[in-house]
Structures are given as C-alpha cells and as structure tokens.
Amino acid sequence: LTEQAKKKYTDKALITPALATGSMMIVDDAKAYSNLLERYIHSLGYSVTSTNSGKDALEIYRKSLAELSPANPKSTPYKLILLDMILNEDRDGLDIYREIHALCPNQKCVIMSAYPENEKLKEIMKLEPVMFVPKPSTKEQLIMIIQNELSK
C-alpha cells in the first residue's frame, strides 16, 4: 500500500464489528508463522482454520463449500484465505489457488511468500488481481491487507 493509504488506516478503523465476523483460512507449511498469523487474526475477532498442507486445505475447503446454502450462490466458505505460495509438497500455492477458484470463483485469497521473485508468484499476479503479502509481515501490515481485500 502507498504511504497515503497506510496513513488512512488505524487499528481502530480496521477492526469493526461488521468486518470481524466469519472465518478465515491459513495455508502455510511454516507452522510457527502460521501460528503467529492465527493469533493476529483471532485478535481481530475472526475464527481461523489453519493447515500446513495444500491437500488438506482443499479437502477442508470442499467440505466447507458443501455446507453452504445453495440459496446464495455468491457466498464463500471463508471471508479470506491466506495462502503461502511455496509449500513443501507436490502442489504449490498456485495449484491450490487455481483449484479453490475453480470450485468457488468468488473466494477471496491473499498470496503470501518470502520469495517475491518466485516465478509462480509472478505467474499468479499476471492471471488475477490478487493481493500479495511478503513474509514475514507485521500485524499492522496484515490488518491493512485484510481490510483492503475485504473492502473489495
């Protein structure tokens, strides 16, 4: 975000009852970082589903999606998914992102990576207007990014 945008937001402006409801998902194979994000998000009032596996994330997502009411086709299982680009498995964050969006095109995702020059990250940024979060991030950065993404 620009410096002007950063000045616009404060913790009080970001944490409102209208925003701090619902659930978010974290997909990150770095357990310590995932735990930190989970604490940040819980402190905002959201419930959190966290997994260190893309495969598990897809399984959880499919189950959560099946529980949604078919009466509202634009609803999504999670307000936001924080998805690490580099996962220690066969599928990376780009694969998981594509599968989630194939299941539910309205699902909002934020891509995280400690490697901003990663080719997969560049590829996803060309495909979709998706928010990128550098790892590690401060709580304040994360709050601003969550607010920005949820306000779209």
Protein backbone atom coordinates (compact mmCIF):
# COMPACT_ATOMS: atom_id res chain seq x y z
CA LEU A 1 0.00 0.00 0.00
CA THR A 2 1.06 3.56 -0.53
CA GLU A 3 2.15 5.75 2.36
CA GLN A 4 -1.07 7.75 1.93
CA ALA A 5 -3.17 4.60 2.22
CA LYS A 6 -1.21 3.49 5.28
CA LYS A 7 -1.93 6.81 7.00
CA LYS A 8 -5.64 6.42 6.25
CA TYR A 9 -5.94 3.24 8.30
CA THR A 10 -5.56 2.69 12.02
CA ASP A 11 -6.27 -0.39 14.10
CA LYS A 12 -9.50 1.20 15.35
CA ALA A 13 -10.70 1.94 11.82
CA LEU A 14 -9.90 -1.56 10.66
CA ILE A 15 -11.41 -3.57 13.46
CA THR A 16 -15.14 -3.02 13.19
CA PRO A 17 -17.90 -5.45 14.16
CA ALA A 18 -19.03 -5.65 10.53
CA LEU A 19 -15.61 -6.89 9.44
CA ALA A 20 -14.66 -9.03 12.42
CA THR A 21 -17.16 -11.80 11.85
CA GLY A 22 -16.80 -15.02 9.98
CA SER A 23 -13.89 -17.28 9.34
CA MET A 24 -10.56 -17.17 7.53
CA MET A 25 -8.25 -19.93 6.38
CA ILE A 26 -4.47 -20.00 6.61
CA VAL A 27 -2.48 -22.38 4.38
CA ASP A 28 1.20 -22.24 5.28
CA ASP A 29 3.71 -25.04 5.79
CA ALA A 30 5.76 -22.90 8.22
CA LYS A 31 3.94 -23.87 11.41
CA ALA A 32 5.47 -21.11 13.59
CA TYR A 33 4.46 -18.41 11.11
CA SER A 34 1.02 -19.95 10.67
CA ASN A 35 0.52 -19.88 14.46
CA LEU A 36 1.53 -16.21 14.54
CA LEU A 37 -0.96 -15.34 11.76
CA GLU A 38 -3.62 -17.30 13.57
CA ARG A 39 -3.10 -15.24 16.73
CA TYR A 40 -3.23 -11.99 14.73
CA ILE A 41 -6.48 -12.97 13.02
CA HIS A 42 -8.07 -14.26 16.24
CA SER A 43 -7.26 -10.92 17.87
CA LEU A 44 -9.40 -9.25 15.20
CA GLY A 45 -12.39 -11.40 16.12
CA TYR A 46 -12.34 -13.94 13.28
CA SER A 47 -12.35 -17.68 13.66
CA VAL A 48 -9.46 -19.39 11.87
CA THR A 49 -8.99 -22.69 10.10
CA SER A 50 -5.31 -23.41 9.64
CA THR A 51 -3.46 -26.13 7.82
CA ASN A 52 0.11 -26.70 6.68
CA SER A 53 -0.87 -28.74 3.64
CA GLY A 54 -2.41 -27.72 0.35
CA LYS A 55 -4.02 -31.12 0.03
CA ASP A 56 -5.65 -30.76 3.46
CA ALA A 57 -6.68 -27.19 2.62
CA LEU A 58 -8.55 -28.39 -0.47
CA GLU A 59 -10.26 -31.16 1.49
CA ILE A 60 -11.33 -28.72 4.22
CA TYR A 61 -12.43 -26.19 1.60
CA ARG A 62 -14.56 -28.69 -0.31
CA LYS A 63 -16.26 -29.79 2.92
CA SER A 64 -16.92 -26.17 3.97
CA LEU A 65 -18.21 -25.31 0.50
CA ALA A 66 -20.64 -28.25 0.60
CA GLU A 67 -22.08 -26.89 3.87
CA LEU A 68 -23.05 -23.54 2.32
CA SER A 69 -26.63 -22.78 1.45
CA PRO A 70 -27.31 -23.18 -2.28
CA ALA A 71 -29.75 -20.26 -1.95
CA ASN A 72 -26.82 -17.82 -2.04
CA PRO A 73 -24.55 -18.79 -4.96
CA LYS A 74 -22.12 -15.92 -4.26
CA SER A 75 -21.37 -16.99 -0.70
CA THR A 76 -17.94 -18.36 0.15
CA PRO A 77 -16.80 -20.65 2.96
CA TYR A 78 -14.20 -18.15 4.20
CA LYS A 79 -14.07 -14.37 4.20
CA LEU A 80 -10.44 -14.66 3.15
CA ILE A 81 -7.78 -17.30 2.56
CA LEU A 82 -4.14 -16.51 3.32
CA LEU A 83 -2.20 -18.86 1.06
CA ASP A 84 1.55 -19.45 1.08
CA MET A 85 2.97 -19.71 -2.43
CA ILE A 86 5.74 -22.18 -1.62
CA LEU A 87 4.51 -25.36 0.08
CA ASN A 88 6.63 -28.39 0.93
CA GLU A 89 4.64 -30.83 -1.19
CA ASP A 90 3.82 -31.79 -4.77
CA ARG A 91 1.43 -28.87 -5.28
CA ASP A 92 2.35 -25.26 -4.68
CA GLY A 93 0.21 -22.28 -3.77
CA LEU A 94 -0.58 -21.53 -7.41
CA ASP A 95 -2.08 -25.00 -7.87
CA ILE A 96 -4.13 -24.65 -4.69
CA TYR A 97 -5.26 -21.16 -5.68
CA ARG A 98 -6.43 -22.40 -9.09
CA GLU A 99 -8.33 -25.32 -7.56
CA ILE A 100 -10.06 -23.12 -4.99
CA HIS A 101 -11.10 -20.65 -7.67
CA ALA A 102 -12.35 -23.45 -9.90
CA LEU A 103 -14.58 -24.54 -7.01
CA CYS A 104 -15.64 -21.04 -5.97
CA PRO A 105 -14.65 -18.09 -8.20
CA ASN A 106 -15.85 -15.57 -5.60
CA GLN A 107 -13.43 -16.75 -2.91
CA LYS A 108 -11.00 -14.00 -1.87
CA CYS A 109 -7.40 -15.06 -1.43
CA VAL A 110 -4.22 -13.30 -0.38
CA ILE A 111 -0.95 -14.82 -1.55
CA MET A 112 1.98 -14.91 0.87
CA SER A 113 5.63 -15.55 0.08
CA ALA A 114 9.08 -14.92 1.49
CA TYR A 115 10.32 -15.08 -2.11
CA PRO A 116 8.77 -12.19 -4.08
CA GLU A 117 10.86 -13.01 -7.15
CA ASN A 118 9.40 -16.52 -7.40
CA GLU A 119 8.25 -17.34 -10.96
CA LYS A 120 4.99 -18.95 -9.74
CA LEU A 121 4.16 -15.77 -7.84
CA LYS A 122 4.79 -13.68 -10.94
CA GLU A 123 2.55 -16.04 -12.90
CA ILE A 124 -0.37 -15.74 -10.49
CA MET A 125 -0.04 -11.95 -10.36
CA LYS A 126 -0.47 -11.90 -14.16
CA LEU A 127 -3.55 -14.14 -14.01
CA GLU A 128 -5.53 -12.48 -11.29
CA PRO A 129 -5.65 -9.18 -9.46
CA VAL A 130 -4.60 -10.83 -6.21
CA MET A 131 -3.10 -9.20 -3.12
CA PHE A 132 0.43 -10.21 -2.21
CA VAL A 133 1.76 -10.28 1.37
CA PRO A 134 5.50 -10.51 1.94
CA LYS A 135 6.63 -12.88 4.65
CA PRO A 136 7.17 -12.05 7.36
CA SER A 137 4.62 -9.27 7.87
CA THR A 138 3.83 -7.19 10.90
CA LYS A 139 0.41 -7.30 12.50
CA GLU A 140 -0.26 -3.80 11.20
CA GLN A 141 0.63 -4.79 7.63
CA LEU A 142 -1.58 -7.84 7.86
CA ILE A 143 -4.51 -5.79 9.20
CA MET A 144 -4.19 -3.29 6.35
CA ILE A 145 -4.08 -6.06 3.77
CA ILE A 146 -7.09 -7.85 5.27
CA GLN A 147 -9.06 -4.59 5.35
CA ASN A 148 -8.11 -3.78 1.78
CA GLU A 149 -9.07 -7.20 0.48
CA LEU A 150 -12.36 -7.41 2.39
CA SER A 151 -13.41 -3.96 1.23
CA LYS A 152 -13.32 -5.01 -2.45
